[in-house]
């Protein structure tokens, strides 16, 4: 059975609505929809953090199982893939 991500099931507007549910504080001061971009960024950050947690759990399982080299490789690759430089961060705009 296939596993669908939220990103596969919802439009960008739907993802924004999900972010507003997960981060209700974004509704405060949301005059004229000005926090929609912030909500979308929050969704993307939550998704990124979830992937990092999953890979950290996998690395821990390998380490507990005795394969510390594989655990180290997973952690290094996770850092190379998901840790952003300051120059790469910035506002995400909904098109």
N, C-alpha and C. Protein backbone atom coordinates (compact mmCIF):
# COMPACT_ATOMS: atom_id res chain seq x y z
N UNK A 1 0.84 -1.16 0.00
CA UNK A 1 0.00 0.00 0.00
C UNK A 1 0.90 1.24 0.00
N UNK A 2 0.65 2.19 -0.89
CA UNK A 2 1.50 3.38 -0.95
C UNK A 2 1.31 4.27 0.27
N UNK A 3 2.37 4.98 0.60
CA UNK A 3 2.34 5.94 1.70
C UNK A 3 2.34 7.33 1.09
N UNK A 4 1.32 8.11 1.40
CA UNK A 4 1.20 9.45 0.85
C UNK A 4 1.63 10.47 1.89
N UNK A 5 2.40 11.45 1.44
CA UNK A 5 2.78 12.57 2.30
C UNK A 5 1.70 13.65 2.18
N UNK A 6 1.64 14.52 3.18
CA UNK A 6 0.69 15.63 3.11
C UNK A 6 0.91 16.44 1.84
N UNK A 7 2.15 16.59 1.47
CA UNK A 7 2.49 17.37 0.29
C UNK A 7 1.92 16.73 -0.98
N UNK A 8 1.74 15.42 -0.97
CA UNK A 8 1.16 14.72 -2.12
C UNK A 8 -0.35 14.86 -2.18
N UNK A 9 -0.98 15.08 -1.05
CA UNK A 9 -2.44 15.08 -0.98
C UNK A 9 -3.08 16.46 -1.05
N UNK A 10 -2.34 17.50 -0.67
CA UNK A 10 -2.91 18.83 -0.57
C UNK A 10 -2.26 19.79 -1.57
N UNK A 11 -3.02 20.81 -1.94
CA UNK A 11 -2.46 21.91 -2.70
C UNK A 11 -1.66 22.79 -1.74
N UNK A 12 -0.96 23.78 -2.26
CA UNK A 12 -0.23 24.69 -1.38
C UNK A 12 -1.18 25.41 -0.43
N UNK A 13 -2.34 25.76 -0.92
CA UNK A 13 -3.32 26.42 -0.05
C UNK A 13 -3.79 25.48 1.05
N UNK A 14 -3.95 24.21 0.71
CA UNK A 14 -4.33 23.23 1.72
C UNK A 14 -3.24 23.04 2.76
N UNK A 15 -1.98 23.08 2.33
CA UNK A 15 -0.86 22.98 3.26
C UNK A 15 -0.81 24.19 4.19
N UNK A 16 -1.15 25.34 3.65
CA UNK A 16 -1.21 26.55 4.48
C UNK A 16 -2.29 26.40 5.54
N UNK A 17 -3.44 25.88 5.15
CA UNK A 17 -4.52 25.66 6.12
C UNK A 17 -4.11 24.66 7.20
N UNK A 18 -3.37 23.61 6.82
CA UNK A 18 -2.87 22.66 7.82
C UNK A 18 -1.90 23.34 8.78
N UNK A 19 -1.05 24.21 8.25
CA UNK A 19 -0.09 24.92 9.10
C UNK A 19 -0.81 25.84 10.08
N UNK A 20 -1.90 26.47 9.64
CA UNK A 20 -2.67 27.32 10.56
C UNK A 20 -3.27 26.48 11.68
N UNK A 21 -3.66 25.24 11.38
CA UNK A 21 -4.19 24.37 12.43
C UNK A 21 -3.10 23.95 13.40
N UNK A 22 -1.91 23.67 12.88
CA UNK A 22 -0.79 23.25 13.73
C UNK A 22 -0.16 24.41 14.49
N UNK A 23 -0.26 25.61 13.95
CA UNK A 23 0.33 26.81 14.55
C UNK A 23 -0.74 27.90 14.65
N UNK A 24 -1.67 27.77 15.58
CA UNK A 24 -2.79 28.72 15.65
C UNK A 24 -2.36 30.15 15.91
N UNK A 25 -1.18 30.36 16.46
CA UNK A 25 -0.71 31.72 16.71
C UNK A 25 -0.53 32.52 15.42
N UNK A 26 -0.38 31.83 14.30
CA UNK A 26 -0.23 32.53 13.02
C UNK A 26 -1.53 33.21 12.60
N UNK A 27 -2.64 32.80 13.19
CA UNK A 27 -3.92 33.43 12.85
C UNK A 27 -4.03 34.84 13.45
N UNK A 28 -3.26 35.07 14.51
CA UNK A 28 -3.29 36.39 15.15
C UNK A 28 -2.61 37.39 14.22
N UNK A 29 -3.30 38.43 13.92
CA UNK A 29 -2.75 39.46 13.04
C UNK A 29 -2.72 39.05 11.58
N UNK A 30 -3.49 38.06 11.21
CA UNK A 30 -3.50 37.58 9.83
C UNK A 30 -4.48 38.41 8.99
N UNK A 31 -4.32 39.70 9.04
CA UNK A 31 -5.18 40.58 8.26
C UNK A 31 -4.85 40.44 6.78
N UNK A 32 -5.87 40.28 5.98
CA UNK A 32 -5.74 40.17 4.53
C UNK A 32 -4.84 39.01 4.11
N UNK A 33 -4.70 37.98 4.95
CA UNK A 33 -3.90 36.81 4.60
C UNK A 33 -2.41 37.03 4.60
N UNK A 34 -1.94 38.03 5.35
CA UNK A 34 -0.52 38.35 5.34
C UNK A 34 0.36 37.25 5.95
N UNK A 35 -0.20 36.37 6.75
CA UNK A 35 0.61 35.31 7.37
C UNK A 35 0.60 34.01 6.57
N UNK A 36 0.05 34.03 5.38
CA UNK A 36 -0.03 32.79 4.59
C UNK A 36 1.37 32.29 4.23
N UNK A 37 2.27 33.18 3.86
CA UNK A 37 3.63 32.75 3.54
C UNK A 37 4.33 32.20 4.78
N UNK A 38 4.13 32.83 5.92
CA UNK A 38 4.73 32.35 7.16
C UNK A 38 4.17 30.97 7.52
N UNK A 39 2.89 30.76 7.28
CA UNK A 39 2.28 29.46 7.56
C UNK A 39 2.86 28.39 6.64
N UNK A 40 3.05 28.71 5.37
CA UNK A 40 3.64 27.75 4.44
C UNK A 40 5.08 27.41 4.85
N UNK A 41 5.84 28.42 5.25
CA UNK A 41 7.20 28.19 5.74
C UNK A 41 7.19 27.31 6.98
N UNK A 42 6.23 27.52 7.86
CA UNK A 42 6.11 26.70 9.07
C UNK A 42 5.83 25.25 8.70
N UNK A 43 4.96 25.03 7.71
CA UNK A 43 4.70 23.66 7.25
C UNK A 43 5.98 23.02 6.73
N UNK A 44 6.72 23.74 5.88
CA UNK A 44 7.95 23.19 5.32
C UNK A 44 8.97 22.89 6.41
N UNK A 45 9.08 23.76 7.39
CA UNK A 45 10.02 23.54 8.49
C UNK A 45 9.60 22.34 9.33
N UNK A 46 8.31 22.18 9.58
CA UNK A 46 7.83 21.02 10.32
C UNK A 46 8.13 19.72 9.56
N UNK A 47 7.95 19.76 8.26
CA UNK A 47 8.23 18.58 7.44
C UNK A 47 9.72 18.25 7.47
N UNK A 48 10.57 19.26 7.36
CA UNK A 48 12.02 19.08 7.41
C UNK A 48 12.44 18.51 8.76
N UNK A 49 11.91 19.06 9.84
CA UNK A 49 12.25 18.60 11.18
C UNK A 49 11.80 17.15 11.38
N UNK A 50 10.66 16.78 10.84
CA UNK A 50 10.18 15.41 10.94
C UNK A 50 11.10 14.42 10.23
N UNK A 51 11.60 14.82 9.06
CA UNK A 51 12.53 13.96 8.33
C UNK A 51 13.83 13.78 9.11
N UNK A 52 14.30 14.86 9.71
CA UNK A 52 15.53 14.78 10.51
C UNK A 52 15.31 13.84 11.70
N UNK A 53 14.18 13.97 12.39
CA UNK A 53 13.88 13.08 13.53
C UNK A 53 13.83 11.62 13.10
N UNK A 54 13.21 11.35 11.96
CA UNK A 54 13.13 9.97 11.46
C UNK A 54 14.52 9.40 11.19
N UNK A 55 15.37 10.20 10.56
CA UNK A 55 16.72 9.72 10.26
C UNK A 55 17.56 9.58 11.53
N UNK A 56 17.37 10.47 12.49
CA UNK A 56 18.07 10.33 13.78
C UNK A 56 17.66 9.04 14.48
N UNK A 57 16.37 8.73 14.43
CA UNK A 57 15.88 7.48 15.03
C UNK A 57 16.49 6.26 14.32
N UNK A 58 16.60 6.34 13.00
CA UNK A 58 17.20 5.24 12.24
C UNK A 58 18.67 5.07 12.63
N UNK A 59 19.39 6.19 12.74
CA UNK A 59 20.80 6.12 13.13
C UNK A 59 20.94 5.53 14.53
N UNK A 60 20.06 5.91 15.43
CA UNK A 60 20.10 5.36 16.78
C UNK A 60 19.85 3.85 16.76
N UNK A 61 18.93 3.41 15.95
CA UNK A 61 18.64 1.97 15.84
C UNK A 61 19.87 1.22 15.32
N UNK A 62 20.56 1.79 14.34
CA UNK A 62 21.78 1.15 13.84
C UNK A 62 22.85 1.10 14.93
N UNK A 63 22.99 2.20 15.67
CA UNK A 63 24.01 2.24 16.73
C UNK A 63 23.70 1.22 17.82
N UNK A 64 22.45 1.13 18.22
CA UNK A 64 22.06 0.16 19.25
C UNK A 64 22.28 -1.27 18.73
N UNK A 65 22.07 -1.46 17.43
CA UNK A 65 22.27 -2.77 16.82
C UNK A 65 23.74 -3.11 16.60
N UNK A 66 24.63 -2.17 16.88
CA UNK A 66 26.06 -2.43 16.77
C UNK A 66 26.73 -1.91 15.51
N UNK A 67 25.98 -1.35 14.59
CA UNK A 67 26.58 -0.83 13.35
C UNK A 67 26.81 0.68 13.48
N UNK A 68 27.84 1.04 14.25
CA UNK A 68 28.09 2.46 14.52
C UNK A 68 28.59 3.20 13.29
N UNK A 69 29.28 2.50 12.38
CA UNK A 69 29.74 3.16 11.15
C UNK A 69 28.56 3.61 10.31
N UNK A 70 27.56 2.76 10.19
CA UNK A 70 26.35 3.11 9.42
C UNK A 70 25.61 4.25 10.12
N UNK A 71 25.54 4.21 11.44
CA UNK A 71 24.88 5.28 12.19
C UNK A 71 25.57 6.61 11.96
N UNK A 72 26.89 6.62 12.00
CA UNK A 72 27.64 7.86 11.75
C UNK A 72 27.40 8.37 10.34
N UNK A 73 27.38 7.46 9.36
CA UNK A 73 27.15 7.86 7.98
C UNK A 73 25.77 8.48 7.81
N UNK A 74 24.76 7.89 8.44
CA UNK A 74 23.40 8.43 8.35
C UNK A 74 23.36 9.84 8.95
N UNK A 75 23.99 10.03 10.10
CA UNK A 75 23.99 11.35 10.74
C UNK A 75 24.73 12.38 9.90
N UNK A 76 25.85 11.98 9.29
CA UNK A 76 26.60 12.90 8.44
C UNK A 76 25.79 13.30 7.21
N UNK A 77 25.17 12.31 6.58
CA UNK A 77 24.37 12.59 5.40
C UNK A 77 23.13 13.42 5.74
N UNK A 78 22.57 13.17 6.90
CA UNK A 78 21.43 13.98 7.35
C UNK A 78 21.84 15.44 7.49
N UNK A 79 22.98 15.66 8.11
CA UNK A 79 23.49 17.02 8.26
C UNK A 79 23.76 17.68 6.92
N UNK A 80 24.39 16.94 6.01
CA UNK A 80 24.70 17.49 4.69
C UNK A 80 23.44 17.81 3.89
N UNK A 81 22.40 17.01 4.10
CA UNK A 81 21.18 17.18 3.32
C UNK A 81 20.24 18.23 3.90
N UNK A 82 20.04 18.20 5.21
CA UNK A 82 18.96 19.00 5.79
C UNK A 82 19.40 20.24 6.56
N UNK A 83 20.65 20.35 6.92
CA UNK A 83 21.08 21.53 7.66
C UNK A 83 21.37 22.63 6.65
N UNK A 84 20.72 23.76 6.83
CA UNK A 84 20.82 24.85 5.87
C UNK A 84 21.86 25.87 6.28
N UNK A 85 22.52 26.43 5.28
CA UNK A 85 23.41 27.56 5.52
C UNK A 85 22.54 28.80 5.70
N UNK A 86 23.09 29.81 6.31
CA UNK A 86 22.35 31.06 6.51
C UNK A 86 21.93 31.65 5.18
N UNK A 87 22.77 31.55 4.15
CA UNK A 87 22.45 32.11 2.85
C UNK A 87 21.29 31.42 2.17
N UNK A 88 21.04 30.15 2.50
CA UNK A 88 19.97 29.40 1.85
C UNK A 88 18.60 29.66 2.47
N UNK A 89 18.57 30.16 3.68
CA UNK A 89 17.28 30.39 4.31
C UNK A 89 16.72 31.72 3.81
N UNK A 90 15.46 31.79 3.80
CA UNK A 90 14.81 33.01 3.34
C UNK A 90 13.34 32.75 3.18
N UNK A 91 12.61 33.78 2.86
CA UNK A 91 11.16 33.61 2.76
C UNK A 91 10.78 32.72 1.58
N UNK A 92 9.75 31.95 1.79
CA UNK A 92 9.18 31.12 0.73
C UNK A 92 7.89 31.80 0.32
N UNK A 93 7.71 31.95 -0.97
CA UNK A 93 6.52 32.65 -1.44
C UNK A 93 5.61 31.66 -2.17
N UNK A 94 4.33 31.78 -1.91
CA UNK A 94 3.32 30.93 -2.56
C UNK A 94 3.02 31.51 -3.93
N UNK A 95 3.05 30.64 -4.91
CA UNK A 95 2.73 31.11 -6.27
C UNK A 95 1.32 30.77 -6.62
